[in-house]
Amino acid sequence: MMPFLVAAILQGEFLLSFVLFLAAGVSDALDGLLARALKQRSMLGEYLDPVADKLLLSTLFLVLTHMKSSSGERLIPVTVTVMVFGRDMGILIVAAILYAAVGRREFHPSLLGKANTLVQIAAVALVLLRQLTAQEWVVMFRQVTLDLTMLLTVASGFHYAWLVSRRTPPPAAHGAAVR
């Protein structure tokens, strides 16, 4: 659905965009529930599902940062998008280095990381909804979710760094006797 969603946003079709975003979320949730209920989980699915989620959210953050409201302000502030991308790129780089250096593959999401993703989803939904209505609660919750996105992006980024530092084995001592 991503190409259609992005095209709808770029064409200013915000009702269609909102509906497509909700449909993507519901289909993703149903896919996960069905996989668990039918015991159809796979290693490939466990890797691809979060990648697809990140790809969708990252693309939407970029597109919504590019778009401007009728008043001329960006739909998502540049600062928010830069912080989200910076954290995600940092995590990807660290994961790649760990895999290359010590063959470590597991990089499970933390509770803060999951909360961050949930808030990002809510922020995108509210940014799209804000283009459809100026109701006070929508305006307020849009801003709250964008602020929470920045807070949780920083907190979860530091938390991942802390987790990696605790789980990474210390380097071998230099000059250790070889037997």
Protein backbone atom coordinates (compact mmCIF):
# COMPACT_ATOMS: atom_id res chain seq x y z
CA MET A 1 0.00 0.00 0.00
CA MET A 2 2.95 2.30 0.52
CA PRO A 3 3.21 3.61 -3.07
CA PHE A 4 -0.52 4.44 -3.12
CA LEU A 5 -0.32 6.07 0.30
CA VAL A 6 2.65 8.22 -0.67
CA ALA A 7 1.00 9.18 -3.97
CA ALA A 8 -2.20 10.15 -2.16
CA ILE A 9 -0.28 12.35 0.29
CA LEU A 10 1.73 14.03 -2.47
CA GLN A 11 -1.50 14.74 -4.36
CA GLY A 12 -3.08 16.25 -1.24
CA GLU A 13 -5.69 13.48 -0.96
CA PHE A 14 -5.61 13.39 2.84
CA LEU A 15 -8.87 11.49 3.39
CA LEU A 16 -7.63 8.70 1.13
CA SER A 17 -4.20 8.91 2.81
CA PHE A 18 -5.73 8.56 6.26
CA VAL A 19 -7.88 5.59 5.17
CA LEU A 20 -4.91 3.87 3.48
CA PHE A 21 -2.73 4.44 6.57
CA LEU A 22 -5.40 2.91 8.81
CA ALA A 23 -5.83 -0.01 6.39
CA ALA A 24 -2.06 -0.62 6.38
CA GLY A 25 -2.02 -0.63 10.19
CA VAL A 26 -5.00 -2.95 10.51
CA SER A 27 -3.62 -5.37 7.89
CA ASP A 28 -0.22 -5.41 9.64
CA ALA A 29 -1.85 -6.14 13.00
CA LEU A 30 -4.06 -8.87 11.52
CA ASP A 31 -1.07 -10.43 9.79
CA GLY A 32 0.78 -10.64 13.10
CA LEU A 33 -2.23 -12.02 14.97
CA LEU A 34 -2.92 -14.63 12.31
CA ALA A 35 0.74 -15.70 12.20
CA ARG A 36 0.71 -16.25 15.97
CA ALA A 37 -2.72 -17.89 16.10
CA LEU A 38 -1.98 -20.26 13.22
CA LYS A 39 1.59 -20.86 14.38
CA GLN A 40 2.88 -19.63 11.02
CA ARG A 41 5.75 -17.56 12.39
CA SER A 42 9.02 -17.67 10.49
CA MET A 43 12.49 -16.25 10.93
CA LEU A 44 12.11 -14.37 7.64
CA GLY A 45 8.83 -12.85 8.83
CA GLU A 46 10.37 -11.83 12.13
CA TYR A 47 13.06 -9.91 10.22
CA LEU A 48 10.86 -8.49 7.45
CA ASP A 49 7.92 -7.25 9.55
CA PRO A 50 9.85 -4.62 11.54
CA VAL A 51 11.81 -3.65 8.43
CA ALA A 52 8.56 -3.08 6.52
CA ASP A 53 7.15 -1.08 9.44
CA LYS A 54 10.29 1.09 9.61
CA LEU A 55 10.31 1.57 5.85
CA LEU A 56 6.68 2.74 5.90
CA LEU A 57 7.15 5.09 8.85
CA SER A 58 10.44 6.51 7.57
CA THR A 59 8.97 7.16 4.14
CA LEU A 60 5.91 8.84 5.64
CA PHE A 61 8.04 11.01 7.92
CA LEU A 62 10.07 12.17 4.89
CA VAL A 63 7.02 12.81 2.72
CA LEU A 64 5.10 14.59 5.49
CA THR A 65 8.15 16.73 6.27
CA HIS A 66 8.28 17.68 2.59
CA MET A 67 4.57 18.63 2.51
CA LYS A 68 3.27 21.94 3.84
CA SER A 69 -0.10 22.84 5.31
CA SER A 70 -2.31 25.60 3.92
CA SER A 71 -0.65 27.96 6.43
CA GLY A 72 2.80 27.12 5.02
CA GLU A 73 4.17 25.06 7.93
CA ARG A 74 5.60 21.60 7.36
CA LEU A 75 3.23 18.79 8.31
CA ILE A 76 6.04 17.21 10.36
CA PRO A 77 8.84 19.49 11.55
CA VAL A 78 12.28 18.81 10.07
CA THR A 79 13.75 18.40 13.57
CA VAL A 80 11.47 15.46 14.34
CA THR A 81 12.30 13.67 11.10
CA VAL A 82 16.05 14.25 11.48
CA MET A 83 15.98 12.86 15.03
CA VAL A 84 13.97 9.79 13.99
CA PHE A 85 16.29 9.09 11.05
CA GLY A 86 19.41 9.74 13.11
CA ARG A 87 18.37 7.22 15.75
CA ASP A 88 17.34 4.60 13.20
CA MET A 89 20.57 5.01 11.21
CA GLY A 90 22.59 4.76 14.42
CA ILE A 91 20.85 1.53 15.36
CA LEU A 92 21.36 0.09 11.87
CA ILE A 93 25.05 1.00 11.83
CA VAL A 94 25.66 -0.48 15.30
CA ALA A 95 23.75 -3.64 14.36
CA ALA A 96 25.81 -4.01 11.16
CA ILE A 97 29.08 -3.47 13.05
CA LEU A 98 28.12 -6.00 15.72
CA TYR A 99 27.16 -8.53 13.08
CA ALA A 100 30.41 -8.00 11.16
CA ALA A 101 32.63 -7.96 14.26
CA VAL A 102 31.19 -10.68 16.47
CA GLY A 103 28.48 -12.33 14.37
CA ARG A 104 25.79 -11.12 16.74
CA ARG A 105 22.40 -11.16 15.03
CA GLU A 106 19.83 -10.67 17.76
CA PHE A 107 18.86 -7.07 18.23
CA HIS A 108 15.49 -7.24 19.89
CA PRO A 109 13.34 -4.13 20.25
CA SER A 110 13.19 -2.66 23.73
CA LEU A 111 10.02 -1.51 25.46
CA LEU A 112 11.08 2.10 24.81
CA GLY A 113 11.67 1.25 21.14
CA LYS A 114 8.20 -0.26 20.84
CA ALA A 115 6.66 2.74 22.61
CA ASN A 116 8.53 5.01 20.20
CA THR A 117 7.14 3.13 17.19
CA LEU A 118 3.61 3.28 18.61
CA VAL A 119 3.90 7.03 19.19
CA GLN A 120 5.31 7.52 15.67
CA ILE A 121 2.30 5.67 14.24
CA ALA A 122 -0.06 7.85 16.29
CA ALA A 123 1.81 10.98 15.18
CA VAL A 124 1.49 10.10 11.49
CA ALA A 125 -2.21 9.30 11.92
CA LEU A 126 -2.82 12.59 13.72
CA VAL A 127 -0.79 14.59 11.19
CA LEU A 128 -2.98 13.14 8.43
CA LEU A 129 -6.16 13.63 10.46
CA ARG A 130 -5.17 17.26 11.13
CA GLN A 131 -5.36 17.88 7.39
CA LEU A 132 -9.00 16.77 7.52
CA THR A 133 -10.14 18.67 10.61
CA ALA A 134 -9.09 21.55 12.84
CA GLN A 135 -10.80 20.17 15.93
CA GLU A 136 -8.93 21.24 19.05
CA TRP A 137 -8.29 17.70 20.30
CA VAL A 138 -6.69 16.73 16.97
CA VAL A 139 -4.44 19.80 16.99
CA MET A 140 -3.44 19.14 20.61
CA PHE A 141 -2.78 15.40 20.25
CA ARG A 142 -0.86 15.94 17.01
CA GLN A 143 1.56 18.20 18.88
CA VAL A 144 1.71 15.86 21.89
CA THR A 145 2.57 12.84 19.72
CA LEU A 146 5.24 14.80 17.82
CA ASP A 147 6.78 15.95 21.13
CA LEU A 148 6.60 12.40 22.51
CA THR A 149 8.20 11.10 19.32
CA MET A 150 11.21 13.36 19.91
CA LEU A 151 11.42 12.42 23.61
CA LEU A 152 11.10 8.67 23.01
CA THR A 153 13.48 8.81 20.03
CA VAL A 154 16.22 10.21 22.26
CA ALA A 155 15.37 7.97 25.24
CA SER A 156 15.19 4.78 23.19
CA GLY A 157 18.37 5.68 21.31
CA PHE A 158 20.28 6.04 24.57
CA HIS A 159 18.63 2.90 25.91
CA TYR A 160 19.75 0.86 22.89
CA ALA A 161 23.28 2.24 23.29
CA TRP A 162 23.27 1.24 26.97
CA LEU A 163 21.96 -2.26 26.15
CA VAL A 164 24.61 -2.78 23.48
CA SER A 165 27.38 -1.63 25.81
CA ARG A 166 26.27 -4.14 28.46
CA ARG A 167 25.92 -7.07 26.05
CA THR A 168 29.09 -6.58 24.01
CA PRO A 169 32.04 -8.59 25.28
CA PRO A 170 35.08 -6.56 26.29
CA PRO A 171 37.99 -6.56 23.83
CA ALA A 172 40.83 -8.99 24.46
CA ALA A 173 43.67 -7.52 26.54
CA HIS A 174 46.64 -6.32 24.50
CA GLY A 175 49.89 -8.16 25.12
CA ALA A 176 48.19 -11.16 26.67
CA ALA A 177 50.39 -14.21 26.71
CA VAL A 178 49.74 -16.59 23.83
CA ARG A 179 49.92 -20.20 24.85
